[in-house]
Amino acid sequence: MKGIYKTDIGNFREKNEDSVIYLEHEDFILAAVADGMGGHKSGEVASRLALESAAKYFIESLDILKNSPMEFVNNIFLNSCLCVYREGIKAEEFEGMGTTMTVVLINKANAEAYFGNIGDSRAYVIASGSLKQVTEDHSLVHEMYKNGQISLEEVDTHPQRHVLTKALGTCEKVIPDYYQEDMTQVDYILLCTDGLTNHLPESEILFLINKFKEKAVEELIDEAKRRGGTDNISVILINN
């Protein structure tokens, strides 16, 4: 099992507010992407703090990791949320900052993957040549689509498509969504921020991964930049 990852500032942003981590320990892999939000430097700070907290917990909490992986994922979100929130109330420049966060914890020994997410950064699995979105976006347009207010085609062009209904760190505690996937038939896991999915449809993401395999991370980012690159772009691709 191998993970390849990259984060890119894109074509127009002055700074990269995305963060990524990919860590391995014994039979476990922890990978995560985060897309910060807020004025000044606060988005950049929020995503970095969230993933630094996740990485620290991964290193220090091996007993929980081995005995209760879903509890471990839950605790990552609790700790990261509190970390970002506390930093946000310390200084005016960080007030109201927050971030998306999408996490996967993989147990290689039992071929299970445990996912958690807040916001609109996504996790996918690729199996038998098809791409499946594991996570559900916490966005206003996704809620509108589920409620029948807009069509699927309108989701990608709606003026409020960037508005989140959940973010990590804007309050002391937030409840993420959790998912579990059997890895025995999975070829790849993909984590990405919306800088990728805003420019590439899922059919093209799948095509590029199937064509370029481990080299697909560079190709995905380059293609998103060719299509506009209006946001920071972060991709983690884990080959099973």
C-alpha atoms as a PDB file:
ATOM      1  CA  MET A   1       0.000   0.000   0.000  1.00  0.00           C
ATOM      2  CA  LYS A   2       1.459   3.332  -1.092  1.00  0.00           C
ATOM      3  CA  GLY A   3       0.304   6.920  -0.739  1.00  0.00           C
ATOM      4  CA  ILE A   4       1.195   9.805  -3.035  1.00  0.00           C
ATOM      5  CA  TYR A   5       0.121  13.333  -2.212  1.00  0.00           C
ATOM      6  CA  LYS A   6       0.548  16.933  -3.281  1.00  0.00           C
ATOM      7  CA  THR A   7      -0.913  20.342  -2.519  1.00  0.00           C
ATOM      8  CA  ASP A   8      -0.764  23.210  -5.019  1.00  0.00           C
ATOM      9  CA  ILE A   9      -1.582  26.899  -4.667  1.00  0.00           C
ATOM     10  CA  GLY A  10      -3.459  26.955  -7.988  1.00  0.00           C
ATOM     11  CA  ASN A  11      -3.412  29.753 -10.546  1.00  0.00           C
ATOM     12  CA  PHE A  12      -4.869  32.744  -8.733  1.00  0.00           C
ATOM     13  CA  ARG A  13      -4.600  32.451  -4.948  1.00  0.00           C
ATOM     14  CA  GLU A  14      -1.921  34.411  -3.078  1.00  0.00           C
ATOM     15  CA  LYS A  15      -1.454  31.671  -0.481  1.00  0.00           C
ATOM     16  CA  ASN A  16      -2.217  28.004  -0.034  1.00  0.00           C
ATOM     17  CA  GLU A  17      -4.900  27.475   2.619  1.00  0.00           C
ATOM     18  CA  ASP A  18      -4.963  23.695   2.053  1.00  0.00           C
ATOM     19  CA  SER A  19      -3.009  21.225   4.173  1.00  0.00           C
ATOM     20  CA  VAL A  20      -2.353  17.493   3.768  1.00  0.00           C
ATOM     21  CA  ILE A  21      -0.859  14.719   5.895  1.00  0.00           C
ATOM     22  CA  TYR A  22       0.062  11.121   5.161  1.00  0.00           C
ATOM     23  CA  LEU A  23       1.465   9.060   8.046  1.00  0.00           C
ATOM     24  CA  GLU A  24       2.230   5.379   8.564  1.00  0.00           C
ATOM     25  CA  HIS A  25       2.772   3.422  11.774  1.00  0.00           C
ATOM     26  CA  GLU A  26       2.919  -0.363  11.968  1.00  0.00           C
ATOM     27  CA  ASP A  27      -0.309  -1.634  10.340  1.00  0.00           C
ATOM     28  CA  PHE A  28      -2.000   1.778  10.161  1.00  0.00           C
ATOM     29  CA  ILE A  29      -2.112   4.673   7.723  1.00  0.00           C
ATOM     30  CA  LEU A  30      -3.594   8.075   8.538  1.00  0.00           C
ATOM     31  CA  ALA A  31      -4.247  10.443   5.643  1.00  0.00           C
ATOM     32  CA  ALA A  32      -6.149  13.729   5.664  1.00  0.00           C
ATOM     33  CA  VAL A  33      -6.850  16.867   3.653  1.00  0.00           C
ATOM     34  CA  ALA A  34      -8.066  20.197   5.017  1.00  0.00           C
ATOM     35  CA  ASP A  35      -9.195  23.370   3.256  1.00  0.00           C
ATOM     36  CA  GLY A  36      -9.011  26.419   5.513  1.00  0.00           C
ATOM     37  CA  MET A  37     -11.273  29.444   5.424  1.00  0.00           C
ATOM     38  CA  GLY A  38     -11.171  32.920   6.933  1.00  0.00           C
ATOM     39  CA  GLY A  39      -9.610  36.298   6.291  1.00  0.00           C
ATOM     40  CA  HIS A  40      -5.946  37.316   6.395  1.00  0.00           C
ATOM     41  CA  LYS A  41      -3.816  34.240   7.184  1.00  0.00           C
ATOM     42  CA  SER A  42      -6.463  32.482   9.250  1.00  0.00           C
ATOM     43  CA  GLY A  43      -7.531  29.880   6.678  1.00  0.00           C
ATOM     44  CA  GLU A  44      -3.953  28.775   6.245  1.00  0.00           C
ATOM     45  CA  VAL A  45      -3.536  28.582  10.031  1.00  0.00           C
ATOM     46  CA  ALA A  46      -6.800  26.672  10.572  1.00  0.00           C
ATOM     47  CA  SER A  47      -6.014  23.859   8.137  1.00  0.00           C
ATOM     48  CA  ARG A  48      -2.450  23.528   9.405  1.00  0.00           C
ATOM     49  CA  LEU A  49      -3.490  23.421  13.068  1.00  0.00           C
ATOM     50  CA  ALA A  50      -6.210  20.841  12.392  1.00  0.00           C
ATOM     51  CA  LEU A  51      -3.839  18.416  10.700  1.00  0.00           C
ATOM     52  CA  GLU A  52      -0.981  19.016  13.134  1.00  0.00           C
ATOM     53  CA  SER A  53      -3.393  18.047  15.916  1.00  0.00           C
ATOM     54  CA  ALA A  54      -4.464  14.937  13.983  1.00  0.00           C
ATOM     55  CA  ALA A  55      -0.858  13.888  13.395  1.00  0.00           C
ATOM     56  CA  LYS A  56       0.048  14.388  17.062  1.00  0.00           C
ATOM     57  CA  TYR A  57      -2.903  12.273  18.190  1.00  0.00           C
ATOM     58  CA  PHE A  58      -1.989   9.526  15.723  1.00  0.00           C
ATOM     59  CA  ILE A  59       1.501   9.277  17.192  1.00  0.00           C
ATOM     60  CA  GLU A  60       0.438   9.454  20.842  1.00  0.00           C
ATOM     61  CA  SER A  61      -2.706   7.286  20.963  1.00  0.00           C
ATOM     62  CA  LEU A  62      -1.754   3.859  19.687  1.00  0.00           C
ATOM     63  CA  ASP A  63      -3.869   1.940  22.229  1.00  0.00           C
ATOM     64  CA  ILE A  64      -7.112   3.570  21.064  1.00  0.00           C
ATOM     65  CA  LEU A  65      -5.956   3.271  17.459  1.00  0.00           C
ATOM     66  CA  LYS A  66      -5.592  -0.499  17.736  1.00  0.00           C
ATOM     67  CA  ASN A  67      -8.628  -1.244  19.920  1.00  0.00           C
ATOM     68  CA  SER A  68     -11.255   1.191  18.641  1.00  0.00           C
ATOM     69  CA  PRO A  69     -10.412   2.768  15.274  1.00  0.00           C
ATOM     70  CA  MET A  70     -13.723   4.583  14.840  1.00  0.00           C
ATOM     71  CA  GLU A  71     -13.386   6.110  18.308  1.00  0.00           C
ATOM     72  CA  PHE A  72      -9.895   7.142  17.265  1.00  0.00           C
ATOM     73  CA  VAL A  73     -11.259   8.942  14.184  1.00  0.00           C
ATOM     74  CA  ASN A  74     -13.916  10.639  16.325  1.00  0.00           C
ATOM     75  CA  ASN A  75     -11.264  11.842  18.766  1.00  0.00           C
ATOM     76  CA  ILE A  76      -9.208  13.285  15.927  1.00  0.00           C
ATOM     77  CA  PHE A  77     -12.121  15.539  15.032  1.00  0.00           C
ATOM     78  CA  LEU A  78     -12.808  16.493  18.654  1.00  0.00           C
ATOM     79  CA  ASN A  79      -9.176  17.414  19.271  1.00  0.00           C
ATOM     80  CA  SER A  80      -8.634  19.226  15.984  1.00  0.00           C
ATOM     81  CA  CYS A  81     -11.848  21.212  16.325  1.00  0.00           C
ATOM     82  CA  LEU A  82     -10.978  22.355  19.834  1.00  0.00           C
ATOM     83  CA  CYS A  83      -7.426  23.218  18.786  1.00  0.00           C
ATOM     84  CA  VAL A  84      -8.575  25.459  15.917  1.00  0.00           C
ATOM     85  CA  TYR A  85     -11.371  27.031  17.969  1.00  0.00           C
ATOM     86  CA  ARG A  86      -9.096  27.928  20.895  1.00  0.00           C
ATOM     87  CA  GLU A  87      -6.559  29.515  18.579  1.00  0.00           C
ATOM     88  CA  GLY A  88      -9.349  31.419  16.874  1.00  0.00           C
ATOM     89  CA  ILE A  89     -10.463  33.158  20.060  1.00  0.00           C
ATOM     90  CA  LYS A  90      -6.933  34.211  21.021  1.00  0.00           C
ATOM     91  CA  ALA A  91      -6.429  36.894  18.387  1.00  0.00           C
ATOM     92  CA  GLU A  92      -8.744  39.099  16.354  1.00  0.00           C
ATOM     93  CA  GLU A  93      -6.996  38.173  13.105  1.00  0.00           C
ATOM     94  CA  PHE A  94      -7.994  34.523  13.623  1.00  0.00           C
ATOM     95  CA  GLU A  95     -11.575  35.155  14.739  1.00  0.00           C
ATOM     96  CA  GLY A  96     -14.087  32.897  13.001  1.00  0.00           C
ATOM     97  CA  MET A  97     -11.486  30.825  11.187  1.00  0.00           C
ATOM     98  CA  GLY A  98     -12.322  27.246  10.314  1.00  0.00           C
ATOM     99  CA  THR A  99     -11.489  24.444   7.947  1.00  0.00           C
ATOM    100  CA  THR A 100     -12.852  21.406   6.208  1.00  0.00           C
ATOM    101  CA  MET A 101     -11.259  18.121   7.175  1.00  0.00           C
ATOM    102  CA  THR A 102     -11.554  14.705   5.570  1.00  0.00           C
ATOM    103  CA  VAL A 103      -9.709  11.813   7.178  1.00  0.00           C
ATOM    104  CA  VAL A 104      -9.116   8.150   6.421  1.00  0.00           C
ATOM    105  CA  LEU A 105      -7.600   5.682   8.858  1.00  0.00           C
ATOM    106  CA  ILE A 106      -6.578   2.424   7.183  1.00  0.00           C
ATOM    107  CA  ASN A 107      -5.957  -0.793   9.081  1.00  0.00           C
ATOM    108  CA  LYS A 108      -3.814  -2.808   6.681  1.00  0.00           C
ATOM    109  CA  ALA A 109      -4.002  -5.929   8.842  1.00  0.00           C
ATOM    110  CA  ASN A 110      -7.780  -6.334   8.550  1.00  0.00           C
ATOM    111  CA  ALA A 111      -8.247  -4.422   5.266  1.00  0.00           C
ATOM    112  CA  GLU A 112     -10.654  -1.849   6.708  1.00  0.00           C
ATOM    113  CA  ALA A 113     -10.789   1.896   6.091  1.00  0.00           C
ATOM    114  CA  TYR A 114     -12.476   4.333   8.476  1.00  0.00           C
ATOM    115  CA  PHE A 115     -13.485   7.746   7.153  1.00  0.00           C
ATOM    116  CA  GLY A 116     -14.636  10.976   8.749  1.00  0.00           C
ATOM    117  CA  ASN A 117     -15.440  14.353   7.226  1.00  0.00           C
ATOM    118  CA  ILE A 118     -16.524  17.909   7.912  1.00  0.00           C
ATOM    119  CA  GLY A 119     -17.137  20.287   5.013  1.00  0.00           C
ATOM    120  CA  ASP A 120     -16.842  19.665   1.280  1.00  0.00           C
ATOM    121  CA  SER A 121     -13.432  18.033   0.907  1.00  0.00           C
ATOM    122  CA  ARG A 122     -14.137  14.556  -0.401  1.00  0.00           C
ATOM    123  CA  ALA A 123     -13.098  10.939  -0.070  1.00  0.00           C
ATOM    124  CA  TYR A 124     -13.579   8.451  -2.907  1.00  0.00           C
ATOM    125  CA  VAL A 125     -12.842   4.784  -3.407  1.00  0.00           C
ATOM    126  CA  ILE A 126     -12.027   3.256  -6.785  1.00  0.00           C
ATOM    127  CA  ALA A 127     -12.940  -0.409  -7.179  1.00  0.00           C
ATOM    128  CA  SER A 128     -13.499  -2.579 -10.257  1.00  0.00           C
ATOM    129  CA  GLY A 129     -12.956   0.404 -12.522  1.00  0.00           C
ATOM    130  CA  SER A 130     -15.600   2.624 -10.920  1.00  0.00           C
ATOM    131  CA  LEU A 131     -15.409   5.677  -8.666  1.00  0.00           C
ATOM    132  CA  LYS A 132     -17.621   6.016  -5.581  1.00  0.00           C
ATOM    133  CA  GLN A 133     -17.880   9.089  -3.381  1.00  0.00           C
ATOM    134  CA  VAL A 134     -17.687   7.909   0.230  1.00  0.00           C
ATOM    135  CA  THR A 135     -18.294  11.211   1.996  1.00  0.00           C
ATOM    136  CA  GLU A 136     -21.213  13.609   1.734  1.00  0.00           C
ATOM    137  CA  ASP A 137     -20.616  17.334   1.224  1.00  0.00           C
ATOM    138  CA  HIS A 138     -21.638  19.634   4.067  1.00  0.00           C
ATOM    139  CA  SER A 139     -22.590  22.476   1.757  1.00  0.00           C
ATOM    140  CA  LEU A 140     -25.630  24.645   1.196  1.00  0.00           C
ATOM    141  CA  VAL A 141     -26.050  23.535  -2.416  1.00  0.00           C
ATOM    142  CA  HIS A 142     -25.926  19.870  -1.417  1.00  0.00           C
ATOM    143  CA  GLU A 143     -28.703  20.478   1.119  1.00  0.00           C
ATOM    144  CA  MET A 144     -30.705  22.337  -1.529  1.00  0.00           C
ATOM    145  CA  TYR A 145     -30.215  19.436  -3.944  1.00  0.00           C
ATOM    146  CA  LYS A 146     -31.299  16.861  -1.349  1.00  0.00           C
ATOM    147  CA  ASN A 147     -34.400  18.948  -0.606  1.00  0.00           C
ATOM    148  CA  GLY A 148     -35.306  19.142  -4.298  1.00  0.00           C
ATOM    149  CA  GLN A 149     -34.718  22.897  -4.541  1.00  0.00           C
ATOM    150  CA  ILE A 150     -32.102  22.654  -7.301  1.00  0.00           C
ATOM    151  CA  SER A 151     -31.058  20.042  -9.842  1.00  0.00           C
ATOM    152  CA  LEU A 152     -27.771  18.150  -9.828  1.00  0.00           C
ATOM    153  CA  GLU A 153     -26.650  20.209 -12.823  1.00  0.00           C
ATOM    154  CA  GLU A 154     -27.282  23.458 -10.909  1.00  0.00           C
ATOM    155  CA  VAL A 155     -25.104  22.366  -7.976  1.00  0.00           C
ATOM    156  CA  ASP A 156     -21.867  23.052  -9.887  1.00  0.00           C
ATOM    157  CA  THR A 157     -22.876  26.540 -11.052  1.00  0.00           C
ATOM    158  CA  HIS A 158     -24.982  27.861  -8.158  1.00  0.00           C
ATOM    159  CA  PRO A 159     -23.676  31.218  -6.791  1.00  0.00           C
ATOM    160  CA  GLN A 160     -23.727  29.827  -3.236  1.00  0.00           C
ATOM    161  CA  ARG A 161     -21.888  26.590  -4.052  1.00  0.00           C
ATOM    162  CA  HIS A 162     -18.974  27.509  -1.761  1.00  0.00           C
ATOM    163  CA  VAL A 163     -21.117  28.048   1.351  1.00  0.00           C
ATOM    164  CA  LEU A 164     -20.543  25.325   3.959  1.00  0.00           C
ATOM    165  CA  THR A 165     -23.123  24.079   6.446  1.00  0.00           C
ATOM    166  CA  LYS A 166     -20.423  22.621   8.714  1.00  0.00           C
ATOM    167  CA  ALA A 167     -16.819  23.601   9.352  1.00  0.00           C
ATOM    168  CA  LEU A 168     -14.251  22.507  11.883  1.00  0.00           C
ATOM    169  CA  GLY A 169     -13.088  25.066  14.452  1.00  0.00           C
ATOM    170  CA  THR A 170     -15.800  27.706  14.151  1.00  0.00           C
ATOM    171  CA  CYS A 171     -17.257  26.401  17.426  1.00  0.00           C
ATOM    172  CA  GLU A 172     -15.932  24.210  20.243  1.00  0.00           C
ATOM    173  CA  LYS A 173     -17.451  20.972  18.989  1.00  0.00           C
ATOM    174  CA  VAL A 174     -18.780  19.706  15.690  1.00  0.00           C
ATOM    175  CA  ILE A 175     -20.138  16.293  14.762  1.00  0.00           C
ATOM    176  CA  PRO A 176     -18.581  14.772  11.639  1.00  0.00           C
ATOM    177  CA  ASP A 177     -19.992  12.021   9.459  1.00  0.00           C
ATOM    178  CA  TYR A 178     -18.365   8.597   9.624  1.00  0.00           C
ATOM    179  CA  TYR A 179     -18.058   5.809   7.071  1.00  0.00           C
ATOM    180  CA  GLN A 180     -16.394   2.419   6.897  1.00  0.00           C
ATOM    181  CA  GLU A 181     -15.219   0.578   3.791  1.00  0.00           C
ATOM    182  CA  ASP A 182     -13.957  -2.956   3.236  1.00  0.00           C
ATOM    183  CA  MET A 183     -10.647  -2.587   1.409  1.00  0.00           C
ATOM    184  CA  THR A 184     -10.430  -6.093  -0.033  1.00  0.00           C
ATOM    185  CA  GLN A 185     -11.883  -5.042  -3.407  1.00  0.00           C
ATOM    186  CA  VAL A 186     -10.643  -1.435  -3.399  1.00  0.00           C
ATOM    187  CA  ASP A 187      -7.870  -0.404  -5.791  1.00  0.00           C
ATOM    188  CA  TYR A 188      -7.416   3.224  -4.709  1.00  0.00           C
ATOM    189  CA  ILE A 189      -8.543   5.709  -2.086  1.00  0.00           C
ATOM    190  CA  LEU A 190      -8.664   9.355  -3.156  1.00  0.00           C
ATOM    191  CA  LEU A 191      -8.879  12.343  -0.804  1.00  0.00           C
ATOM    192  CA  CYS A 192      -9.150  15.818  -2.314  1.00  0.00           C
ATOM    193  CA  THR A 193     -10.176  19.394  -1.673  1.00  0.00           C
ATOM    194  CA  ASP A 194     -12.749  21.174  -3.809  1.00  0.00           C
ATOM    195  CA  GLY A 195     -10.029  22.801  -5.897  1.00  0.00           C
ATOM    196  CA  LEU A 196      -9.980  19.490  -7.757  1.00  0.00           C
ATOM    197  CA  THR A 197     -13.671  18.614  -7.879  1.00  0.00           C
ATOM    198  CA  ASN A 198     -14.765  22.144  -8.849  1.00  0.00           C
ATOM    199  CA  HIS A 199     -12.879  21.771 -12.130  1.00  0.00           C
ATOM    200  CA  LEU A 200     -12.902  18.059 -12.940  1.00  0.00           C
ATOM    201  CA  PRO A 201     -16.020  15.873 -13.146  1.00  0.00           C
ATOM    202  CA  GLU A 202     -15.825  12.460 -11.528  1.00  0.00           C
ATOM    203  CA  SER A 203     -15.677  10.700 -14.901  1.00  0.00           C
ATOM    204  CA  GLU A 204     -12.458  12.536 -15.778  1.00  0.00           C
ATOM    205  CA  ILE A 205     -10.954  11.987 -12.335  1.00  0.00           C
ATOM    206  CA  LEU A 206     -11.522   8.259 -12.795  1.00  0.00           C
ATOM    207  CA  PHE A 207     -10.115   8.323 -16.335  1.00  0.00           C
ATOM    208  CA  LEU A 208      -6.897  10.022 -15.220  1.00  0.00           C
ATOM    209  CA  ILE A 209      -6.384   7.656 -12.288  1.00  0.00           C
ATOM    210  CA  ASN A 210      -6.963   4.584 -14.453  1.00  0.00           C
ATOM    211  CA  LYS A 211      -4.624   5.934 -17.125  1.00  0.00           C
ATOM    212  CA  PHE A 212      -1.748   7.284 -15.035  1.00  0.00           C
ATOM    213  CA  LYS A 213      -1.977   5.098 -11.894  1.00  0.00           C
ATOM    214  CA  GLU A 214       0.552   6.337  -9.286  1.00  0.00           C
ATOM    215  CA  LYS A 215       1.432   9.326 -11.484  1.00  0.00           C
ATOM    216  CA  ALA A 216      -2.184  10.497 -11.488  1.00  0.00           C
ATOM    217  CA  VAL A 217      -1.760  12.981  -8.617  1.00  0.00           C
ATOM    218  CA  GLU A 218       0.359  15.319 -10.743  1.00  0.00           C
ATOM    219  CA  GLU A 219      -1.934  14.831 -13.731  1.00  0.00           C
ATOM    220  CA  LEU A 220      -5.079  15.590 -11.708  1.00  0.00           C
ATOM    221  CA  ILE A 221      -3.629  18.815 -10.333  1.00  0.00           C
ATOM    222  CA  ASP A 222      -2.224  19.903 -13.689  1.00  0.00           C
ATOM    223  CA  GLU A 223      -5.565  19.283 -15.398  1.00  0.00           C
ATOM    224  CA  ALA A 224      -7.475  21.207 -12.704  1.00  0.00           C
ATOM    225  CA  LYS A 225      -5.099  24.127 -13.268  1.00  0.00           C
ATOM    226  CA  ARG A 226      -5.591  23.906 -17.029  1.00  0.00           C
ATOM    227  CA  ARG A 227      -9.358  24.109 -16.421  1.00  0.00           C
ATOM    228  CA  GLY A 228      -8.973  27.288 -14.373  1.00  0.00           C
ATOM    229  CA  GLY A 229      -7.186  26.463 -11.131  1.00  0.00           C
ATOM    230  CA  THR A 230      -9.248  29.042  -9.272  1.00  0.00           C
ATOM    231  CA  ASP A 231      -8.596  27.505  -5.843  1.00  0.00           C
ATOM    232  CA  ASN A 232      -5.863  25.648  -3.995  1.00  0.00           C
ATOM    233  CA  ILE A 233      -5.771  21.987  -5.031  1.00  0.00           C
ATOM    234  CA  SER A 234      -4.833  19.067  -2.778  1.00  0.00           C
ATOM    235  CA  VAL A 235      -4.859  15.375  -3.643  1.00  0.00           C
ATOM    236  CA  ILE A 236      -3.917  12.185  -1.799  1.00  0.00           C
ATOM    237  CA  LEU A 237      -4.034   8.927  -3.765  1.00  0.00           C
ATOM    238  CA  ILE A 238      -3.514   5.661  -1.884  1.00  0.00           C
ATOM    239  CA  ASN A 239      -2.821   2.586  -3.977  1.00  0.00           C
ATOM    240  CA  ASN A 240      -4.035  -0.656  -2.432  1.00  0.00           C
END
